[in-house]
Amino acid sequence: ALPTAAAEEAEPKPAPRPSRGKLLPRRERLQEIARTRDPEGYAEARTALQDPGDALSPLGALALGQIGGPEAERDLVRALADQRPEVRQAALNALIVLHAPDAARRCVRLLGSDRSIDVRGAAAEGIGCLRHAEGGAALRNALARDVPPVQVRAAWSLARLGEADGFGFLTQQALGQDVHAAPPAIAFLGTLGDRHAVPV
């Protein structure tokens, strides 16, 4: 006998096959959005960035920075006021990668005001990445007064801007005995070209 309509409805139907994106854990999904610059992942990345309890917020910032566009830039600028330093740092790095119109100015402001060493370091480095000559005064101030991790990045940016103080500070730190300052100084000098190499 042919099955009745009621019997057909009672039979379990196979669940629809989820998309590849839904099969991935959230971390891998956000990494994939960043890698592919998939604009369809914008809402997911934005949600991760803005959720104050989400440990993946920095990945959300990274993904938005790769997707780009005016809306992503606005979301990243708002994230610079986040209470979590790792989110501020990730948002600033994303704005630097995007070469957002106000990225250099925001680097200067955060270099002089943020409480986090990591954020100030990212800001110092960002000024050099963006070759923002007007940030020279802020960099020199950081070189004179900030802690070594920020000083090294400020020196690198000054060197990128062609200022001798930056080369001199990096060389001094690279040849010194400070196990925390020497390795990053050597690494940063290595990015400036052979003519600035440290003698061995």
Protein backbone atom coordinates (compact mmCIF):
# COMPACT_ATOMS: atom_id res chain seq x y z
CA ALA A 1 0.00 0.00 0.00
CA LEU A 2 1.14 3.48 -0.75
CA PRO A 3 2.12 5.53 2.32
CA THR A 4 -0.40 8.11 3.43
CA ALA A 5 0.46 11.79 3.63
CA ALA A 6 0.37 11.56 7.44
CA ALA A 7 2.85 8.68 7.38
CA GLU A 8 5.16 10.65 5.11
CA GLU A 9 5.06 13.61 7.48
CA ALA A 10 5.85 11.35 10.43
CA GLU A 11 9.02 10.02 8.81
CA PRO A 12 12.12 11.96 9.89
CA LYS A 13 13.61 14.02 7.10
CA PRO A 14 17.36 14.38 6.70
CA ALA A 15 18.69 17.62 8.13
CA PRO A 16 19.92 20.15 5.57
CA ARG A 17 23.64 20.01 5.05
CA PRO A 18 25.26 22.98 6.83
CA SER A 19 27.50 25.31 4.86
CA ARG A 20 31.24 24.93 5.23
CA GLY A 21 31.35 28.15 7.24
CA LYS A 22 28.95 26.76 9.84
CA LEU A 23 30.98 23.58 10.14
CA LEU A 24 34.05 25.52 11.24
CA PRO A 25 34.62 26.54 14.86
CA ARG A 26 34.26 30.29 15.33
CA ARG A 27 37.98 30.93 15.58
CA GLU A 28 38.67 29.17 12.30
CA ARG A 29 35.66 30.84 10.72
CA LEU A 30 36.93 34.32 11.62
CA GLN A 31 40.40 33.39 10.39
CA GLU A 32 38.86 32.25 7.12
CA ILE A 33 36.92 35.51 6.77
CA ALA A 34 40.15 37.44 7.27
CA ARG A 35 42.07 35.24 4.83
CA THR A 36 39.44 35.39 2.07
CA ARG A 37 38.31 38.96 2.81
CA ASP A 38 34.78 37.63 2.48
CA PRO A 39 32.32 40.56 2.71
CA GLU A 40 29.57 38.11 3.68
CA GLY A 41 31.44 37.59 6.94
CA TYR A 42 31.17 41.25 7.90
CA ALA A 43 28.27 40.83 10.35
CA GLU A 44 29.95 37.87 12.04
CA ALA A 45 33.25 39.73 12.43
CA ARG A 46 31.48 42.84 13.71
CA THR A 47 29.56 40.84 16.30
CA ALA A 48 32.78 39.25 17.56
CA LEU A 49 34.50 42.62 17.77
CA GLN A 50 31.71 44.36 19.67
CA ASP A 51 30.86 41.64 22.19
CA PRO A 52 32.60 42.67 25.44
CA GLY A 53 32.68 39.07 26.63
CA ASP A 54 34.07 37.55 23.44
CA ALA A 55 37.66 36.34 23.60
CA LEU A 56 37.72 36.38 19.79
CA SER A 57 37.15 40.15 19.53
CA PRO A 58 40.74 40.75 18.28
CA LEU A 59 40.10 38.27 15.47
CA GLY A 60 36.92 40.17 14.65
CA ALA A 61 39.03 43.32 14.30
CA LEU A 62 41.51 41.48 12.07
CA ALA A 63 38.70 40.22 9.83
CA LEU A 64 37.14 43.69 9.53
CA GLY A 65 40.53 45.10 8.65
CA GLN A 66 40.85 42.62 5.81
CA ILE A 67 37.30 43.18 4.55
CA GLY A 68 37.71 46.95 4.62
CA GLY A 69 35.27 49.62 3.61
CA PRO A 70 33.80 52.69 5.38
CA GLU A 71 31.57 50.68 7.73
CA ALA A 72 34.44 48.46 8.85
CA GLU A 73 36.59 51.54 9.47
CA ARG A 74 33.87 53.11 11.63
CA ASP A 75 33.54 49.93 13.68
CA LEU A 76 37.31 49.76 14.18
CA VAL A 77 37.52 53.40 15.25
CA ARG A 78 34.82 52.79 17.85
CA ALA A 79 36.80 49.78 19.10
CA LEU A 80 39.73 52.06 19.95
CA ALA A 81 37.72 53.05 23.03
CA ASP A 82 37.23 49.42 24.15
CA GLN A 83 38.21 48.64 27.73
CA ARG A 84 40.30 45.65 26.61
CA PRO A 85 43.82 46.60 25.46
CA GLU A 86 44.10 43.61 23.14
CA VAL A 87 41.01 44.82 21.28
CA ARG A 88 42.33 48.39 21.02
CA GLN A 89 45.62 47.06 19.70
CA ALA A 90 43.95 44.79 17.13
CA ALA A 91 41.63 47.59 15.99
CA LEU A 92 44.53 50.02 15.60
CA ASN A 93 46.58 47.47 13.65
CA ALA A 94 43.61 46.89 11.35
CA LEU A 95 43.21 50.63 10.71
CA ILE A 96 46.93 50.84 9.92
CA VAL A 97 46.66 47.96 7.44
CA LEU A 98 43.69 49.71 5.82
CA HIS A 99 45.61 53.01 5.66
CA ALA A 100 42.45 54.58 7.04
CA PRO A 101 42.37 58.38 6.61
CA ASP A 102 42.82 59.15 10.31
CA ALA A 103 44.99 56.14 11.20
CA ALA A 104 48.23 58.11 11.56
CA ARG A 105 46.63 60.80 13.71
CA ARG A 106 45.09 58.15 15.94
CA CYS A 107 48.48 56.47 16.31
CA VAL A 108 49.97 59.73 17.54
CA ARG A 109 47.16 60.23 20.05
CA LEU A 110 47.31 56.69 21.42
CA LEU A 111 51.10 56.74 21.64
CA GLY A 112 50.82 59.64 24.04
CA SER A 113 47.79 58.58 26.02
CA ASP A 114 47.01 54.87 26.10
CA ARG A 115 47.63 52.98 29.35
CA SER A 116 48.68 49.77 27.59
CA ILE A 117 52.31 49.19 26.62
CA ASP A 118 51.16 46.98 23.76
CA VAL A 119 48.83 49.63 22.37
CA ARG A 120 51.48 52.34 22.63
CA GLY A 121 53.96 50.03 20.93
CA ALA A 122 51.53 49.36 18.09
CA ALA A 123 50.90 53.09 17.77
CA ALA A 124 54.62 53.87 17.64
CA GLU A 125 55.17 51.23 14.99
CA GLY A 126 52.13 52.39 13.04
CA ILE A 127 53.53 55.89 12.63
CA GLY A 128 56.52 54.39 10.85
CA CYS A 129 54.42 52.00 8.77
CA LEU A 130 52.35 54.94 7.57
CA ARG A 131 55.47 57.13 7.21
CA HIS A 132 53.72 59.90 9.08
CA ALA A 133 56.40 62.57 9.38
CA GLU A 134 54.20 64.75 11.58
CA GLY A 135 54.41 62.04 14.24
CA GLY A 136 58.12 62.65 14.75
CA ALA A 137 57.67 64.71 17.92
CA ALA A 138 55.51 62.02 19.55
CA LEU A 139 58.08 59.38 18.60
CA ARG A 140 60.97 61.36 20.04
CA ASN A 141 59.01 61.86 23.25
CA ALA A 142 58.37 58.11 23.49
CA LEU A 143 62.03 57.39 22.77
CA ALA A 144 63.03 59.60 25.68
CA ARG A 145 60.38 58.67 28.24
CA ASP A 146 58.59 55.40 27.53
CA VAL A 147 59.48 51.82 28.42
CA PRO A 148 61.88 49.74 26.25
CA PRO A 149 59.27 47.83 24.20
CA VAL A 150 57.75 51.12 23.09
CA GLN A 151 61.14 52.83 22.72
CA VAL A 152 62.37 50.20 20.27
CA ARG A 153 59.30 50.65 18.09
CA ALA A 154 59.52 54.42 18.28
CA ALA A 155 63.17 54.20 17.24
CA TRP A 156 62.28 52.00 14.27
CA SER A 157 59.65 54.47 13.13
CA LEU A 158 62.07 57.36 13.50
CA ALA A 159 64.56 55.41 11.41
CA ARG A 160 61.89 54.83 8.78
CA LEU A 161 61.36 58.58 8.74
CA GLY A 162 65.10 59.08 8.16
CA GLU A 163 66.00 60.37 11.62
CA ALA A 164 69.45 59.41 12.89
CA ASP A 165 68.28 59.11 16.50
CA GLY A 166 66.25 56.08 15.52
CA PHE A 167 69.18 54.28 13.91
CA GLY A 168 71.43 55.15 16.82
CA PHE A 169 69.06 53.88 19.47
CA LEU A 170 68.38 50.60 17.68
CA THR A 171 72.08 49.98 17.14
CA GLN A 172 72.86 50.73 20.79
CA GLN A 173 70.16 48.35 21.98
CA ALA A 174 71.16 45.64 19.49
CA LEU A 175 74.75 45.69 20.74
CA GLY A 176 73.75 45.84 24.39
CA GLN A 177 73.30 43.11 26.96
CA ASP A 178 69.57 43.58 27.63
CA VAL A 179 68.00 40.25 26.68
CA HIS A 180 64.61 41.92 26.30
CA ALA A 181 65.69 44.87 24.16
CA ALA A 182 68.45 43.39 21.97
CA PRO A 183 66.46 40.78 19.98
CA PRO A 184 63.67 43.14 18.85
CA ALA A 185 66.21 45.87 18.09
CA ILE A 186 68.16 43.46 15.88
CA ALA A 187 64.96 42.33 14.17
CA PHE A 188 63.85 45.90 13.49
CA LEU A 189 67.27 46.85 12.16
CA GLY A 190 67.05 43.90 9.81
CA THR A 191 63.97 45.41 8.18
CA LEU A 192 65.75 48.68 7.41
CA GLY A 193 68.22 47.29 4.88
CA ASP A 194 71.83 46.15 4.78
CA ARG A 195 73.30 49.66 5.11
CA HIS A 196 71.91 49.77 8.66
CA ALA A 197 73.05 46.28 9.67
CA VAL A 198 74.68 45.80 13.03
CA PRO A 199 78.36 44.75 12.86
CA VAL A 200 79.11 41.37 14.38
